[in-house]
Structure formats: C-alpha cells, structure tokens
C-alpha cells in the first residue's frame, strides 16, 4: 500500500497537481465510498497510481493527459486503496508483501469476529 506520495519529474507533478485540484473541485474525494478520514489517503493513492501512467507518457515523450481508462482505473483503485487503509488501521485485515512485491491481504481474527 502507498503511504507517501511518490516523487516524479516536475512536469508530471505539475500535471498531477492540476488534475487532483480539478477532481477535488468535483468533491470526488468526499465520496461516500471513501471512509471518513481517509480522503487524503485516496488522494495519495490517486497521485501514485495516475502518476505511474503519466510518468510512462513523459518518458515516451507523449502528451501527459490520462485517457478515460487510465483515469477511471486510477480513481477506482484510489477508493479501494483508501478502504484497505481503513481496514488495516482498524485491524480487520493484515497484509504482507510476497516475493513478487505484491501485497497479499487476509482477514484477521478481529475481522472474522466482526463478520459473524
């Protein structure tokens, strides 16, 4: 899970800042799907996820604009990331990084009790 904003080349960061400000203006990060108090987590997830797309475009010398699929993917995954952060903080799930560097999640005993 992302805990801090990734650092990108300045043109990428400028684009991401404008994009997040525009999305913030639509109150996306105040969506009821994002757990209360985890709005900033969703923004950090969005920054990092969309930043990876934009960085590749920057490296390839292409226009930095996200296409619809990239934007939708980054927005959806930012909500999921914020939800996972909330569940982790509540002790309902736990995670470990596997050999491929991917996070593997499981429900803790506390989570299982709450589900019952």
N, C-alpha and C. Protein backbone atom coordinates (compact mmCIF):
# COMPACT_ATOMS: atom_id res chain seq x y z
N UNK A 1 0.84 -1.18 0.00
CA UNK A 1 0.00 0.00 0.00
C UNK A 1 0.88 1.24 0.00
N UNK A 2 0.38 2.28 -0.63
CA UNK A 2 1.10 3.54 -0.66
C UNK A 2 0.86 4.29 0.64
N UNK A 3 1.90 4.77 1.23
CA UNK A 3 1.77 5.58 2.43
C UNK A 3 2.21 7.02 2.18
N UNK A 4 3.09 7.22 1.20
CA UNK A 4 3.59 8.54 0.90
C UNK A 4 3.47 8.81 -0.59
N UNK A 5 3.39 10.09 -0.91
CA UNK A 5 3.35 10.47 -2.33
C UNK A 5 4.70 10.16 -2.97
N UNK A 6 4.64 9.55 -4.14
CA UNK A 6 5.84 9.29 -4.91
C UNK A 6 6.33 10.61 -5.51
N UNK A 7 7.62 10.69 -5.77
CA UNK A 7 8.20 11.87 -6.37
C UNK A 7 8.37 11.60 -7.86
N UNK A 8 7.93 12.56 -8.67
CA UNK A 8 8.00 12.45 -10.13
C UNK A 8 8.73 13.67 -10.69
N UNK A 9 9.13 13.61 -11.95
CA UNK A 9 9.71 14.81 -12.59
C UNK A 9 8.71 15.97 -12.51
N UNK A 10 9.21 17.19 -12.47
CA UNK A 10 8.37 18.36 -12.25
C UNK A 10 7.19 18.47 -13.23
N UNK A 11 7.37 18.23 -14.55
CA UNK A 11 6.20 18.33 -15.43
C UNK A 11 5.09 17.33 -15.06
N UNK A 12 5.47 16.15 -14.60
CA UNK A 12 4.49 15.15 -14.18
C UNK A 12 3.79 15.63 -12.90
N UNK A 13 4.56 16.13 -11.95
CA UNK A 13 3.96 16.62 -10.71
C UNK A 13 3.04 17.82 -10.96
N UNK A 14 3.43 18.70 -11.87
CA UNK A 14 2.57 19.85 -12.21
C UNK A 14 1.24 19.37 -12.77
N UNK A 15 1.30 18.39 -13.69
CA UNK A 15 0.07 17.85 -14.29
C UNK A 15 -0.79 17.18 -13.22
N UNK A 16 -0.17 16.37 -12.36
CA UNK A 16 -0.92 15.66 -11.32
C UNK A 16 -1.57 16.63 -10.34
N UNK A 17 -0.87 17.70 -10.00
CA UNK A 17 -1.42 18.71 -9.09
C UNK A 17 -2.66 19.35 -9.70
N UNK A 18 -2.58 19.72 -10.96
CA UNK A 18 -3.74 20.31 -11.65
C UNK A 18 -4.89 19.32 -11.72
N UNK A 19 -4.58 18.07 -12.01
CA UNK A 19 -5.60 17.04 -12.13
C UNK A 19 -6.29 16.80 -10.79
N UNK A 20 -5.52 16.68 -9.73
CA UNK A 20 -6.11 16.45 -8.41
C UNK A 20 -6.93 17.66 -7.97
N UNK A 21 -6.48 18.87 -8.25
CA UNK A 21 -7.26 20.06 -7.92
C UNK A 21 -8.59 20.06 -8.65
N UNK A 22 -8.58 19.65 -9.92
CA UNK A 22 -9.82 19.60 -10.70
C UNK A 22 -10.77 18.55 -10.13
N UNK A 23 -10.22 17.38 -9.80
CA UNK A 23 -11.05 16.30 -9.25
C UNK A 23 -11.56 16.69 -7.86
N UNK A 24 -10.71 17.34 -7.09
CA UNK A 24 -11.10 17.81 -5.76
C UNK A 24 -12.24 18.81 -5.87
N UNK A 25 -12.22 19.63 -6.90
CA UNK A 25 -13.29 20.60 -7.13
C UNK A 25 -14.63 19.94 -7.39
N UNK A 26 -14.61 18.69 -7.79
CA UNK A 26 -15.85 17.92 -8.01
C UNK A 26 -16.25 17.13 -6.77
N UNK A 27 -15.52 17.32 -5.68
CA UNK A 27 -15.76 16.63 -4.41
C UNK A 27 -15.65 15.11 -4.52
N UNK A 28 -14.87 14.63 -5.49
CA UNK A 28 -14.71 13.19 -5.64
C UNK A 28 -14.14 12.55 -4.37
N UNK A 29 -13.18 13.20 -3.75
CA UNK A 29 -12.52 12.63 -2.59
C UNK A 29 -13.37 12.74 -1.32
N UNK A 30 -14.55 13.32 -1.44
CA UNK A 30 -15.53 13.34 -0.35
C UNK A 30 -16.64 12.33 -0.60
N UNK A 31 -16.41 11.45 -1.56
CA UNK A 31 -17.37 10.42 -1.94
C UNK A 31 -17.71 9.54 -0.75
N UNK A 32 -18.97 9.10 -0.63
CA UNK A 32 -19.33 8.22 0.49
C UNK A 32 -18.64 6.85 0.43
N UNK A 33 -18.08 6.50 -0.72
CA UNK A 33 -17.35 5.23 -0.83
C UNK A 33 -16.00 5.29 -0.13
N UNK A 34 -15.49 6.50 0.11
CA UNK A 34 -14.20 6.67 0.78
C UNK A 34 -14.47 6.80 2.28
N UNK A 35 -13.86 5.93 3.08
CA UNK A 35 -14.11 6.01 4.53
C UNK A 35 -13.78 7.39 5.09
N UNK A 36 -14.59 7.84 6.04
CA UNK A 36 -14.38 9.14 6.65
C UNK A 36 -12.99 9.21 7.27
N UNK A 37 -12.30 10.29 6.98
CA UNK A 37 -10.94 10.48 7.49
C UNK A 37 -9.87 9.91 6.59
N UNK A 38 -10.26 9.29 5.49
CA UNK A 38 -9.28 8.67 4.58
C UNK A 38 -9.25 9.35 3.22
N UNK A 39 -9.77 10.58 3.17
CA UNK A 39 -9.78 11.33 1.92
C UNK A 39 -8.36 11.58 1.41
N UNK A 40 -7.46 11.95 2.33
CA UNK A 40 -6.08 12.20 1.93
C UNK A 40 -5.40 10.92 1.45
N UNK A 41 -5.74 9.79 2.08
CA UNK A 41 -5.21 8.51 1.62
C UNK A 41 -5.61 8.27 0.17
N UNK A 42 -6.88 8.55 -0.14
CA UNK A 42 -7.36 8.36 -1.52
C UNK A 42 -6.59 9.26 -2.48
N UNK A 43 -6.31 10.49 -2.06
CA UNK A 43 -5.55 11.41 -2.91
C UNK A 43 -4.13 10.89 -3.14
N UNK A 44 -3.51 10.37 -2.10
CA UNK A 44 -2.15 9.84 -2.25
C UNK A 44 -2.16 8.63 -3.18
N UNK A 45 -3.14 7.76 -3.00
CA UNK A 45 -3.25 6.60 -3.90
C UNK A 45 -3.45 7.07 -5.34
N UNK A 46 -4.33 8.06 -5.52
CA UNK A 46 -4.58 8.56 -6.88
C UNK A 46 -3.31 9.17 -7.46
N UNK A 47 -2.61 9.97 -6.68
CA UNK A 47 -1.35 10.60 -7.12
C UNK A 47 -0.39 9.53 -7.63
N UNK A 48 -0.18 8.50 -6.82
CA UNK A 48 0.79 7.47 -7.16
C UNK A 48 0.35 6.61 -8.34
N UNK A 49 -0.92 6.23 -8.36
CA UNK A 49 -1.41 5.37 -9.43
C UNK A 49 -1.44 6.11 -10.77
N UNK A 50 -2.03 7.29 -10.77
CA UNK A 50 -2.10 8.06 -12.03
C UNK A 50 -0.71 8.54 -12.42
N UNK A 51 0.13 8.81 -11.41
CA UNK A 51 1.49 9.24 -11.69
C UNK A 51 2.29 8.22 -12.48
N UNK A 52 2.05 6.94 -12.22
CA UNK A 52 2.74 5.89 -12.97
C UNK A 52 2.37 5.95 -14.45
N UNK A 53 1.08 6.16 -14.73
CA UNK A 53 0.64 6.30 -16.13
C UNK A 53 1.29 7.52 -16.78
N UNK A 54 1.23 8.65 -16.06
CA UNK A 54 1.73 9.91 -16.61
C UNK A 54 3.26 9.84 -16.78
N UNK A 55 3.95 9.23 -15.85
CA UNK A 55 5.40 9.10 -15.96
C UNK A 55 5.79 8.33 -17.22
N UNK A 56 5.09 7.26 -17.50
CA UNK A 56 5.38 6.49 -18.73
C UNK A 56 5.17 7.35 -19.98
N UNK A 57 4.13 8.17 -19.97
CA UNK A 57 3.89 9.06 -21.12
C UNK A 57 5.02 10.08 -21.23
N UNK A 58 5.46 10.60 -20.09
CA UNK A 58 6.55 11.58 -20.05
C UNK A 58 7.83 10.96 -20.60
N UNK A 59 8.15 9.76 -20.15
CA UNK A 59 9.36 9.07 -20.61
C UNK A 59 9.31 8.81 -22.11
N UNK A 60 8.13 8.45 -22.61
CA UNK A 60 7.97 8.17 -24.03
C UNK A 60 7.86 9.43 -24.88
N UNK A 61 7.81 10.60 -24.24
CA UNK A 61 7.71 11.86 -24.97
C UNK A 61 6.32 12.14 -25.49
N UNK A 62 5.31 11.51 -24.90
CA UNK A 62 3.93 11.69 -25.32
C UNK A 62 3.23 12.76 -24.48
N UNK A 63 2.03 13.15 -24.94
CA UNK A 63 1.19 14.06 -24.19
C UNK A 63 0.89 13.43 -22.83
N UNK A 64 0.89 14.21 -21.77
CA UNK A 64 0.73 13.68 -20.42
C UNK A 64 -0.71 13.37 -20.03
N UNK A 65 -1.67 13.76 -20.84
CA UNK A 65 -3.07 13.58 -20.47
C UNK A 65 -3.42 12.11 -20.30
N UNK A 66 -4.14 11.82 -19.21
CA UNK A 66 -4.65 10.47 -19.00
C UNK A 66 -5.83 10.22 -19.93
N UNK A 67 -5.92 9.01 -20.45
CA UNK A 67 -7.12 8.68 -21.23
C UNK A 67 -8.22 8.23 -20.26
N UNK A 68 -9.41 8.00 -20.76
CA UNK A 68 -10.55 7.67 -19.91
C UNK A 68 -10.30 6.40 -19.08
N UNK A 69 -9.71 5.40 -19.69
CA UNK A 69 -9.46 4.13 -19.00
C UNK A 69 -8.46 4.32 -17.87
N UNK A 70 -7.39 5.05 -18.13
CA UNK A 70 -6.37 5.31 -17.10
C UNK A 70 -6.94 6.12 -15.95
N UNK A 71 -7.74 7.13 -16.27
CA UNK A 71 -8.35 7.97 -15.24
C UNK A 71 -9.31 7.15 -14.38
N UNK A 72 -10.18 6.39 -15.03
CA UNK A 72 -11.15 5.57 -14.30
C UNK A 72 -10.44 4.54 -13.42
N UNK A 73 -9.42 3.90 -13.96
CA UNK A 73 -8.66 2.91 -13.20
C UNK A 73 -8.02 3.55 -11.97
N UNK A 74 -7.40 4.70 -12.15
CA UNK A 74 -6.74 5.38 -11.03
C UNK A 74 -7.75 5.82 -9.97
N UNK A 75 -8.90 6.32 -10.40
CA UNK A 75 -9.93 6.75 -9.45
C UNK A 75 -10.48 5.56 -8.67
N UNK A 76 -10.82 4.49 -9.39
CA UNK A 76 -11.37 3.31 -8.71
C UNK A 76 -10.36 2.70 -7.74
N UNK A 77 -9.13 2.59 -8.17
CA UNK A 77 -8.11 1.99 -7.32
C UNK A 77 -7.75 2.89 -6.13
N UNK A 78 -7.94 4.20 -6.27
CA UNK A 78 -7.70 5.09 -5.13
C UNK A 78 -8.75 4.88 -4.05
N UNK A 79 -9.99 4.63 -4.44
CA UNK A 79 -11.05 4.32 -3.48
C UNK A 79 -10.74 3.00 -2.77
N UNK A 80 -10.36 2.00 -3.56
CA UNK A 80 -10.03 0.69 -2.98
C UNK A 80 -8.87 0.83 -2.01
N UNK A 81 -7.85 1.57 -2.39
CA UNK A 81 -6.69 1.76 -1.52
C UNK A 81 -7.07 2.41 -0.20
N UNK A 82 -7.93 3.44 -0.26
CA UNK A 82 -8.36 4.12 0.97
C UNK A 82 -9.17 3.18 1.85
N UNK A 83 -10.00 2.35 1.24
CA UNK A 83 -10.78 1.37 2.01
C UNK A 83 -9.86 0.35 2.67
N UNK A 84 -8.87 -0.13 1.94
CA UNK A 84 -7.93 -1.08 2.52
C UNK A 84 -7.13 -0.44 3.65
N UNK A 85 -6.73 0.82 3.48
CA UNK A 85 -6.02 1.53 4.55
C UNK A 85 -6.88 1.58 5.82
N UNK A 86 -8.16 1.87 5.64
CA UNK A 86 -9.07 1.95 6.78
C UNK A 86 -9.19 0.59 7.48
N UNK A 87 -9.36 -0.47 6.70
CA UNK A 87 -9.48 -1.81 7.28
C UNK A 87 -8.19 -2.24 7.98
N UNK A 88 -7.05 -1.87 7.40
CA UNK A 88 -5.76 -2.16 8.04
C UNK A 88 -5.64 -1.43 9.37
N UNK A 89 -5.99 -0.14 9.37
CA UNK A 89 -5.88 0.66 10.58
C UNK A 89 -6.82 0.15 11.69
N UNK A 90 -7.95 -0.42 11.29
CA UNK A 90 -8.90 -0.96 12.26
C UNK A 90 -8.51 -2.36 12.72
N UNK A 91 -7.50 -2.93 12.09
CA UNK A 91 -7.06 -4.27 12.46
C UNK A 91 -7.95 -5.37 11.93
N UNK A 92 -8.79 -5.05 10.95
CA UNK A 92 -9.71 -6.04 10.39
C UNK A 92 -9.05 -6.90 9.32
N UNK A 93 -8.01 -6.37 8.69
CA UNK A 93 -7.23 -7.12 7.72
C UNK A 93 -5.76 -6.88 8.01
N UNK A 94 -4.93 -7.71 7.42
CA UNK A 94 -3.50 -7.52 7.52
C UNK A 94 -2.91 -7.78 6.14
N UNK A 95 -1.65 -7.44 5.95
CA UNK A 95 -1.03 -7.58 4.64
C UNK A 95 0.44 -7.95 4.80
N UNK A 96 0.94 -8.57 3.77
CA UNK A 96 2.37 -8.87 3.68
C UNK A 96 2.74 -8.78 2.20
N UNK A 97 3.98 -8.41 1.93
CA UNK A 97 4.45 -8.33 0.55
C UNK A 97 5.02 -9.69 0.16
N UNK A 98 4.57 -10.22 -0.98
CA UNK A 98 5.07 -11.52 -1.43
C UNK A 98 6.36 -11.36 -2.22
N UNK A 99 6.87 -12.47 -2.75
CA UNK A 99 8.15 -12.47 -3.46
C UNK A 99 8.15 -11.57 -4.70
N UNK A 100 6.98 -11.37 -5.29
CA UNK A 100 6.87 -10.52 -6.49
C UNK A 100 6.66 -9.05 -6.14
N UNK A 101 6.69 -8.74 -4.86
CA UNK A 101 6.49 -7.35 -4.44
C UNK A 101 5.04 -6.92 -4.38
N UNK A 102 4.11 -7.87 -4.47
CA UNK A 102 2.68 -7.56 -4.41
C UNK A 102 2.18 -7.71 -2.98
N UNK A 103 1.22 -6.89 -2.60
CA UNK A 103 0.61 -7.01 -1.28
C UNK A 103 -0.42 -8.12 -1.29
N UNK A 104 -0.35 -8.98 -0.31
CA UNK A 104 -1.32 -10.05 -0.11
C UNK A 104 -2.07 -9.72 1.17
N UNK A 105 -3.40 -9.72 1.11
CA UNK A 105 -4.24 -9.36 2.24
C UNK A 105 -4.97 -10.58 2.78
N UNK A 106 -5.27 -10.54 4.08
CA UNK A 106 -6.10 -11.57 4.68
C UNK A 106 -6.89 -10.96 5.82
N UNK A 107 -7.99 -11.62 6.17
CA UNK A 107 -8.85 -11.15 7.25
C UNK A 107 -8.26 -11.64 8.57
N UNK A 108 -8.15 -10.74 9.51
CA UNK A 108 -7.61 -11.07 10.83
C UNK A 108 -8.71 -11.72 11.68
N UNK A 109 -8.33 -12.21 12.84
CA UNK A 109 -9.31 -12.75 13.77
C UNK A 109 -10.34 -11.70 14.15
N UNK A 110 -9.89 -10.46 14.36
CA UNK A 110 -10.82 -9.37 14.67
C UNK A 110 -11.80 -9.16 13.53
N UNK A 111 -11.31 -9.20 12.30
CA UNK A 111 -12.18 -9.06 11.14
C UNK A 111 -13.19 -10.18 11.03
N UNK A 112 -12.74 -11.39 11.33
CA UNK A 112 -13.64 -12.55 11.28
C UNK A 112 -14.74 -12.43 12.32
N UNK A 113 -14.40 -11.92 13.51
CA UNK A 113 -15.39 -11.73 14.57
C UNK A 113 -16.45 -10.72 14.15
N UNK A 114 -16.00 -9.65 13.52
CA UNK A 114 -16.93 -8.60 13.10
C UNK A 114 -17.86 -9.12 12.00
N UNK A 115 -17.35 -9.97 11.14
CA UNK A 115 -18.16 -10.51 10.05
C UNK A 115 -19.28 -11.39 10.58
N UNK A 116 -19.00 -12.11 11.67
CA UNK A 116 -20.00 -13.04 12.24
C UNK A 116 -21.22 -12.33 12.64
